[in-house]
Structures are given as structure tokens and as C-alpha cells.
Protein backbone atom coordinates (compact mmCIF):
# COMPACT_ATOMS: atom_id res chain seq x y z
CA MET A 1 -79.98 117.18 -53.94
CA LYS A 2 -78.89 113.58 -54.55
CA ILE A 3 -81.95 111.35 -54.97
CA ALA A 4 -81.98 107.55 -54.93
CA CYS A 5 -84.63 104.93 -55.58
CA GLY A 6 -85.41 102.90 -52.46
CA TRP A 7 -85.63 99.11 -52.48
CA LEU A 8 -89.18 99.20 -51.13
CA TYR A 9 -90.46 99.69 -54.68
CA ILE A 10 -88.90 96.41 -55.82
CA LEU A 11 -90.25 94.55 -52.77
CA ASN A 12 -93.78 95.84 -53.35
CA GLN A 13 -93.68 95.25 -57.07
CA TYR A 14 -91.91 91.89 -57.34
CA GLY A 15 -92.18 90.15 -53.96
CA TYR A 16 -90.42 89.72 -50.64
CA PRO A 17 -87.79 88.72 -51.52
CA PRO A 18 -87.70 89.13 -55.32
CA SER A 19 -86.13 86.55 -57.61
CA PHE A 20 -82.80 87.33 -59.23
CA GLU A 21 -84.51 88.10 -62.54
CA ASP A 22 -86.95 90.47 -60.85
CA THR A 23 -84.08 92.04 -58.95
CA LEU A 24 -82.48 92.96 -62.26
CA LYS A 25 -85.84 94.24 -63.57
CA GLY A 26 -86.26 96.45 -60.53
CA ILE A 27 -82.78 97.92 -60.85
CA SER A 28 -83.45 98.61 -64.53
CA LYS A 29 -86.69 100.35 -63.59
CA ALA A 30 -84.78 102.75 -61.34
CA ALA A 31 -82.57 103.73 -64.27
CA GLU A 32 -85.58 103.99 -66.59
CA TRP A 33 -87.18 106.49 -64.19
CA GLY A 34 -84.10 108.68 -64.29
CA PHE A 35 -82.52 107.77 -60.96
CA GLU A 36 -78.74 107.70 -60.83
CA ALA A 37 -78.61 105.76 -57.56
CA PHE A 38 -80.56 103.07 -55.72
CA GLU A 39 -80.71 100.95 -52.57
CA MET A 40 -80.71 97.17 -52.30
CA GLU A 41 -81.41 94.46 -49.72
CA GLY A 42 -80.45 90.84 -49.22
CA ILE A 43 -83.42 89.35 -47.38
CA GLY A 44 -82.64 86.32 -45.28
CA GLU A 45 -80.01 83.64 -45.78
CA ASP A 46 -81.19 82.15 -49.09
CA ASN A 47 -81.71 85.47 -50.87
CA LEU A 48 -78.43 86.89 -49.59
CA LYS A 49 -76.43 83.83 -50.66
CA MET A 50 -78.10 83.83 -54.07
CA LEU A 51 -77.15 87.46 -54.63
CA TYR A 52 -73.60 86.78 -53.49
CA GLU A 53 -73.24 83.77 -55.81
CA ARG A 54 -74.42 85.89 -58.75
CA ARG A 55 -72.57 89.03 -57.67
CA ARG A 56 -70.64 89.38 -60.94
CA GLU A 57 -73.84 89.40 -63.01
CA LEU A 58 -75.31 91.84 -60.53
CA ARG A 59 -72.40 94.25 -60.65
CA ASP A 60 -72.19 94.07 -64.44
CA HIS A 61 -75.88 94.95 -64.66
CA ILE A 62 -75.52 97.88 -62.25
CA ASP A 63 -72.45 99.17 -64.11
CA SER A 64 -74.16 98.85 -67.50
CA LEU A 65 -76.89 101.17 -66.27
CA GLY A 66 -74.46 103.69 -64.80
CA LEU A 67 -76.06 103.43 -61.36
CA THR A 68 -74.56 103.96 -57.91
CA LEU A 69 -75.49 101.67 -55.02
CA VAL A 70 -75.85 103.95 -52.01
CA ASN A 71 -76.90 101.38 -49.44
CA PHE A 72 -76.91 97.61 -49.09
CA CYS A 73 -78.91 96.03 -46.27
CA PRO A 74 -78.50 92.39 -45.22
CA MET A 75 -81.89 91.74 -43.57
CA LEU A 76 -81.07 89.23 -40.83
CA PRO A 77 -83.27 89.51 -37.73
CA ASP A 78 -81.36 86.76 -35.93
CA MET A 79 -78.38 89.12 -35.69
CA VAL A 80 -79.91 90.41 -32.46
CA SER A 81 -81.22 87.07 -31.21
CA LEU A 82 -80.62 86.32 -27.57
CA GLU A 83 -79.78 82.75 -28.60
CA GLU A 84 -76.04 82.63 -29.18
CA SER A 85 -76.12 79.98 -31.94
CA LYS A 86 -78.68 81.92 -34.00
CA ARG A 87 -76.87 85.21 -33.44
CA THR A 88 -73.46 83.80 -34.39
CA HIS A 89 -74.83 82.25 -37.58
CA ALA A 90 -76.58 85.48 -38.60
CA LEU A 91 -73.48 87.57 -37.93
CA GLY A 92 -71.53 85.29 -40.24
CA LEU A 93 -74.12 86.01 -42.92
CA PHE A 94 -73.84 89.72 -42.12
CA GLU A 95 -70.14 89.54 -42.97
CA LEU A 96 -71.09 87.95 -46.29
CA GLY A 97 -73.47 90.87 -46.84
CA CYS A 98 -70.67 93.33 -46.07
CA ASP A 99 -68.44 91.61 -48.61
CA LEU A 100 -71.23 91.78 -51.20
CA GLY A 101 -71.85 95.46 -50.47
CA LEU A 102 -68.14 96.16 -50.85
CA TYR A 103 -68.03 94.22 -54.14
CA LEU A 104 -70.99 96.24 -55.44
CA ASN A 105 -69.29 99.50 -54.36
CA SER A 106 -72.02 100.35 -51.86
CA GLU A 107 -71.48 103.52 -49.88
CA LEU A 108 -73.27 102.20 -46.77
CA ILE A 109 -74.28 98.99 -45.04
CA MET A 110 -77.64 99.31 -43.31
CA ILE A 111 -79.02 97.38 -40.36
CA ASP A 112 -82.23 97.44 -38.35
CA SER A 113 -82.55 96.97 -34.62
CA TYR A 114 -85.49 94.59 -35.24
CA GLU A 115 -88.46 93.91 -33.03
CA VAL A 116 -88.14 93.62 -29.26
CA PRO A 117 -88.34 89.91 -28.23
CA LEU A 118 -91.63 90.22 -26.40
CA SER A 119 -94.44 87.66 -26.51
CA TYR A 120 -96.77 88.79 -29.30
CA VAL A 121 -100.45 87.92 -29.28
CA GLY A 122 -101.14 87.31 -32.95
CA ASP A 123 -98.95 88.98 -35.56
CA SER A 124 -95.64 90.66 -34.77
CA PRO A 125 -94.05 93.64 -36.60
CA GLY A 126 -91.38 91.48 -38.20
CA GLU A 127 -93.80 89.10 -39.90
CA ASP A 128 -94.73 91.62 -42.61
CA PRO A 129 -92.23 94.49 -42.54
CA ILE A 130 -93.24 96.11 -45.85
CA HIS A 131 -96.93 96.72 -45.11
CA TYR A 132 -97.96 99.26 -42.54
CA GLY A 133 -100.70 100.13 -40.09
CA GLY A 134 -100.88 96.82 -38.24
CA ARG A 135 -102.02 96.64 -34.63
CA PHE A 136 -99.98 94.51 -32.24
CA ARG A 137 -100.62 93.19 -28.77
CA VAL A 138 -97.87 91.94 -26.50
CA ARG A 139 -97.31 90.14 -23.24
CA VAL A 140 -94.20 90.74 -21.13
CA VAL A 141 -93.21 87.31 -19.87
CA GLN A 142 -91.72 86.76 -16.44
CA ASP A 143 -88.11 86.25 -17.58
CA PHE A 144 -88.00 89.18 -20.02
CA SER A 145 -85.13 91.58 -19.34
CA TRP A 146 -84.87 94.91 -21.13
CA GLU A 147 -81.31 95.30 -19.84
CA ARG A 148 -80.30 92.05 -21.50
CA VAL A 149 -81.93 93.05 -24.79
CA TRP A 150 -80.17 96.42 -24.76
CA GLU A 151 -76.74 95.06 -23.81
CA ASN A 152 -77.02 92.45 -26.55
CA LEU A 153 -77.92 95.11 -29.12
CA VAL A 154 -75.00 97.32 -28.10
CA SER A 155 -72.61 94.36 -28.41
CA VAL A 156 -73.95 93.33 -31.82
CA VAL A 157 -73.96 96.83 -33.31
CA SER A 158 -70.46 97.51 -31.97
CA LEU A 159 -69.22 94.38 -33.73
CA CYS A 160 -71.05 95.29 -36.96
CA ALA A 161 -69.53 98.77 -36.92
CA GLU A 162 -66.07 97.22 -36.57
CA LEU A 163 -66.71 94.77 -39.41
CA THR A 164 -67.87 97.48 -41.81
CA ALA A 165 -65.09 99.89 -40.78
CA ARG A 166 -62.48 97.24 -41.62
CA ARG A 167 -63.89 97.21 -45.14
CA GLY A 168 -63.92 100.98 -45.42
CA ILE A 169 -67.72 101.23 -45.35
CA ARG A 170 -69.92 103.10 -42.90
CA LEU A 171 -72.73 101.44 -40.97
CA ALA A 172 -76.19 103.01 -40.64
CA MET A 173 -79.21 101.94 -38.58
CA GLU A 174 -82.75 102.68 -39.73
CA LEU A 175 -85.10 103.98 -37.06
CA ARG A 176 -88.39 102.08 -37.38
CA VAL A 177 -91.72 101.88 -35.61
CA GLY A 178 -91.99 98.92 -33.24
CA GLU A 179 -88.29 98.09 -33.10
CA THR A 180 -85.74 98.29 -30.30
CA VAL A 181 -84.38 101.59 -31.64
CA SER A 182 -87.42 103.38 -33.00
CA ASN A 183 -86.70 107.08 -32.45
CA THR A 184 -83.94 109.66 -32.33
CA ASP A 185 -83.46 109.58 -28.56
CA ALA A 186 -83.05 105.81 -28.51
CA PHE A 187 -80.54 106.10 -31.34
CA LEU A 188 -78.52 108.72 -29.47
CA ARG A 189 -78.31 106.40 -26.48
CA LEU A 190 -77.12 103.57 -28.73
CA TYR A 191 -74.67 105.83 -30.54
CA GLU A 192 -73.03 106.84 -27.27
CA ALA A 193 -72.73 103.19 -26.22
CA VAL A 194 -71.28 102.01 -29.54
CA ASP A 195 -68.86 104.97 -29.70
CA ASN A 196 -67.77 104.53 -33.32
CA PRO A 197 -67.73 107.55 -35.69
CA LYS A 198 -68.38 105.22 -38.64
CA PHE A 199 -71.82 104.42 -37.19
CA GLY A 200 -74.81 106.62 -38.02
CA ALA A 201 -78.54 106.75 -38.67
CA VAL A 202 -80.96 106.27 -41.53
CA PHE A 203 -83.48 109.03 -40.85
CA ASP A 204 -86.79 107.56 -42.01
CA THR A 205 -89.32 110.38 -42.26
CA ALA A 206 -92.41 108.13 -42.35
CA HIS A 207 -91.49 106.02 -39.33
CA LEU A 208 -90.47 109.06 -37.31
CA ASN A 209 -93.51 111.13 -38.29
CA ALA A 210 -95.78 108.26 -37.27
CA GLN A 211 -94.16 108.38 -33.82
CA LYS A 212 -94.97 112.09 -33.52
CA GLU A 213 -91.32 113.15 -33.80
CA ILE A 214 -90.82 116.78 -34.79
CA LEU A 215 -88.68 116.02 -37.81
CA PRO A 216 -86.57 119.22 -37.92
CA LEU A 217 -85.87 118.74 -34.20
CA GLY A 218 -84.85 115.16 -34.92
CA VAL A 219 -82.31 116.46 -37.43
CA GLU A 220 -81.04 118.90 -34.79
CA LYS A 221 -80.53 116.01 -32.38
CA LEU A 222 -78.69 113.75 -34.81
CA LYS A 223 -76.84 116.33 -36.93
CA GLN A 224 -73.88 114.73 -38.75
CA ARG A 225 -74.86 111.33 -37.42
CA ILE A 226 -77.44 111.15 -40.25
CA PHE A 227 -75.91 109.09 -43.05
CA LEU A 228 -79.02 108.63 -45.23
CA ILE A 229 -82.58 109.94 -45.54
CA HIS A 230 -85.51 107.63 -46.29
CA ALA A 231 -88.24 109.88 -47.66
CA SER A 232 -91.95 109.10 -47.70
CA ASP A 233 -95.01 110.75 -46.21
CA ASN A 234 -97.98 110.09 -43.93
CA ASP A 235 -100.40 111.98 -41.72
CA GLY A 236 -98.73 110.98 -38.46
CA ARG A 237 -101.45 108.55 -37.39
CA MET A 238 -99.76 105.40 -38.73
CA ASN A 239 -96.50 104.60 -40.46
CA GLU A 240 -97.71 104.62 -44.06
CA HIS A 241 -95.03 105.22 -46.71
CA LEU A 242 -96.89 107.49 -49.12
CA ALA A 243 -95.75 109.76 -51.93
CA LEU A 244 -94.26 113.05 -50.81
CA ARG A 245 -97.01 115.65 -50.16
CA ASP A 246 -99.65 112.95 -49.65
CA GLY A 247 -99.23 113.41 -45.89
CA ASN A 248 -98.51 116.29 -43.55
CA ILE A 249 -94.70 116.40 -43.40
CA ASP A 250 -93.23 119.89 -43.79
CA TRP A 251 -90.55 119.11 -46.34
CA VAL A 252 -89.23 122.66 -46.60
CA ALA A 253 -88.59 122.85 -42.85
CA LEU A 254 -86.95 119.42 -42.88
CA PHE A 255 -84.57 120.18 -45.74
CA ARG A 256 -83.71 123.63 -44.42
CA THR A 257 -82.61 122.01 -41.17
CA LEU A 258 -80.61 119.39 -43.06
CA ARG A 259 -78.96 122.19 -45.02
CA LYS A 260 -78.11 123.98 -41.77
CA HIS A 261 -76.07 120.93 -40.78
CA HIS A 262 -74.52 120.58 -44.26
CA TYR A 263 -76.14 117.25 -45.06
CA ASP A 264 -74.84 116.15 -48.45
CA GLY A 265 -75.91 112.50 -48.50
CA TYR A 266 -78.63 110.83 -50.50
CA VAL A 267 -82.39 111.13 -50.13
CA ALA A 268 -83.79 107.70 -50.96
CA LEU A 269 -87.45 107.60 -51.89
CA ASP A 270 -88.90 104.83 -49.70
CA ILE A 271 -92.51 104.64 -50.88
CA GLY A 272 -94.62 101.50 -50.71
CA ASP A 273 -97.97 99.85 -50.06
CA CYS A 274 -99.92 102.60 -51.83
CA PRO A 275 -101.87 102.93 -55.11
CA ASN A 276 -100.09 103.71 -58.39
CA LEU A 277 -96.62 103.05 -57.03
CA GLU A 278 -94.81 104.15 -60.19
CA GLY A 279 -96.68 107.44 -60.22
CA ALA A 280 -95.90 107.96 -56.54
CA TYR A 281 -92.17 107.60 -57.17
CA LEU A 282 -92.14 109.82 -60.23
CA ARG A 283 -94.21 112.58 -58.56
CA SER A 284 -92.01 112.49 -55.48
CA LYS A 285 -88.81 112.56 -57.51
CA GLN A 286 -90.04 115.61 -59.45
CA PHE A 287 -91.07 117.32 -56.21
CA LEU A 288 -87.61 116.93 -54.71
CA GLU A 289 -85.93 118.06 -57.91
CA THR A 290 -87.91 121.29 -57.93
CA LEU A 291 -88.13 121.92 -54.19
CA GLU A 292 -86.95 125.42 -53.24
CA ILE A 293 -85.34 125.60 -49.81
């Protein structure tokens, strides 16, 4: 099993987004813990541009540690904005993120579908995406159109899949609670509309378990469309990202189903917002390394 350190550790430990110095510290921590691979994000325009400007230092640091970057995610919610000017600007930044991922030898570029543009009463899911268990209330305004939201998403993801394919990189979407594509069935609908074999899914066990998905069945639905696993646990009542075995996920059943479909990609530990974060990562890493399936 190929295990990677998720970027959620760095975000919880050093801030959202972390400084360049803390970014290097976080990457070093992954190597110190014995990981051979890790994930990374460029969060918003300023953070993404900073990482791009210092890309040589970044790559030298990664190479010096002997690490592999399995996934780079340019976090740009305006990519799916219904306002053309915002969307166009964000997609230009997405291309910059693709170029950075390529420069850093990333195996994947990841995107989210982001929150549905409803009218939120109070906080919205996108305001604090690395802490979990929030309660949200919405109002559907008179001019809201689900069809417009969906058609816009299909158009944007189709373009992103073309942009990454031109660079020889695959594109993967994470399925997240509270977003436009939050579950396996929604992803399958999007996959059929995008119709690009270089587009796949990030199968996030915590988000899917919190939505009462039967995880082995989810694997059966997606099969080879799964490009990456995000692994963390919860009890199914809310989308906590706990250490493996601190929830109720049946990991043996999940990995047996992945093996049935010859999954050979990475399992990225995506644990955050819980006590003793370092211990949670180390315990989970050891569990996966010794798991008998």
C-alpha cells in the first residue's frame, strides 16, 4: 500500500494558508514521520502566486527529502462562480496551479466542486473548510437555478480536464459534504457529462461516511474512476476527520473492495481538527502498514 501525508496536517498545524517557511517545515515533517509522498495545496491567489514564484526553492526542498508529490490542489472557489469575470480570472490562476504542479512533478491536480451558490443564513461551508461539524441554514432565492449551476460546473470541469490533459496530468475531484458534487452518484453524473478518461475522483472516506454512503458500494460504483483515497475516520454523524479506527469505518471491507478493482494509487492520510494530531497520523500510518486484507 502506498501511503501519503495529506496537506490537512500542515493547514491545521501552521495556518490556512501557511507561510512559505511553514510550508517547508510541514513538508519536512512528512519526511520525518517516514512518509515517502505527500499532498500540497495552493490556497487562493496570493498563496498560489507565492508558491509559484518560489517554485525552485520548493522543488529543491522536496527533492532533498526524497519525497513524491502525489497531488497538487489549487484552491480557487471562484473557478465555479456564475460571474464570468471572476470565473475567468480564477481559471487563469488554475492554469498557473497546473504549471506549478507539473514543475513539482505532481501525479494529480485536484479540484473541488465548492459550495452551491445558495443564500446562507450565517456561516457557509466555504468560510472554514478545514474544521468540521458546522450547521448551516440556507435560503433558495427566487432567481436561483440548479440547472445553471450544474451546466456551469460541467463546462468548468471539462475545461480543467483539458488543461491538465495537455500537460500530461490527470484531474481528480474530491467529493465533499455540502458541495455541488458531494457523493458518488453526483460524481458519476458529472463524469458522464465531462466524458474525459483523464478525469476521476478523490474518494474521501470521512466526507462520504458522514453522508451515510456505504463505502465499499461507493468503490463498486466508481471503480477505476478513483484516482486517490483520502483516509480519515468518523462515526457517520458528522464529517470529522479523525485517526483511522477512531470512528466506525470498516477499513478491511473498504480495502478488499479496492483490491478487487486493482486500485494501486495512493492512500493519503487526511486527518485534522482532532487532539494530538501528530499521534493521529503516526497511529494511522502504522495501522495501514500492518493492515491485513
